[in-house]
Amino acid sequence: MKWRGRRASTNVDDARGRRAVGGGAGIGAILNLVLRIFGLKGLLVLGVVGLIGWQMGLLNPAALMGGSQVQEVEYKGSAEEEELFRFVTVVLADTEDIWTKELGRVGRQYQEPGLVVFRDRYPTACGTGDARMGPFYCPADKKIYIDLGFYGDLERQFEAPGDFAQAYVIAHEVGHHVQNLLGISGKVSEMRGSPDYNQYSVRLELQADFLAGVWANQNQQYLDRGDIEEAFRAANQIGDDAIQSRTQGKVVPHTFTHGTSEQRMRWFKRGLDSGRIEDGDTFDVPYERL
């Protein structure tokens, strides 16, 4: 991806020298215990179970993590991490330009999200964020949160290397921001606790993949050969079926929250081929045909 020397977003908060302290001692102890006894696989299984519980309204992550305060710490990133930091600021700037234009085309105004780069744990309006959760969007404060260490996991554990795979992750979270601005996320949130909530969650996630594809369509002037394949590889590796197969040894379709690998790649490609926001209504398609 051609990103060096280009505009960087001013909506990025470098919080790597600040971290949450206090609170969350109980859940931290649980995570450490699972990690010691069952290793990373056990931790991933716990994360999947926790995510399902949260999406079904059975768990409140903010309550589990407890209150926390921000403590200033001395921090200096490696040269490689500083390069990643500059990269995500450029990717965010790309999304700002494209979504301002695309929403303007359909008569809507784009409100730019914030991006917080943190390490380990950090307080958000959606509870205390933990690096082990991976990148996430918080609709309550309209910010995206990411620990850059995730990109190492993306390359090593998920076998999805490449700068465009990394950009796809940001574009997907920005897609959730677009959904929030359009009122889609709020409607899905109101379904939390309903028997078919997981299906609404899958629709929401696949639409975010579609929106990432729209971004890629309108960003092709900056793409290198092989970039799109990197995004497809990432989408393939983080499908619910792929993750469950790796972490549980079996696939349980009724617990899906993000969609299968095939679905995630297909909806990304649909956005890539279309480049138009109105062509990605995942809520108007029978669930079995997603």
Foldseek 3Di string as FASTA:
>chain_A
DFQPPDDFAPQEAECAQKFWDDFLPVVVVVLVVQCVPVNPLSNLVVLLVVVLCVQQVNDQQQVNRDDTDMDGHDDDDDPVVVVVVRLVRRLLVLCVVLVCVQCVVVPDHDDRAHEYAYAAWHQDPSHIDGQVNAWAADLVRRYIYHHVCVQVCLCPVLVQDDSLLVSLVVQLRVLLSVCSSVCNVVVLSVCRNPLQSLLSLQLSQLLSLLSSLLSCLVVVVRDDPPSLVSNLSSLQSPAQQNSCCVSPVGHDVSSGRHHHSVSSSVSSVNSNVPSHSVVRNSVPDPSVVD
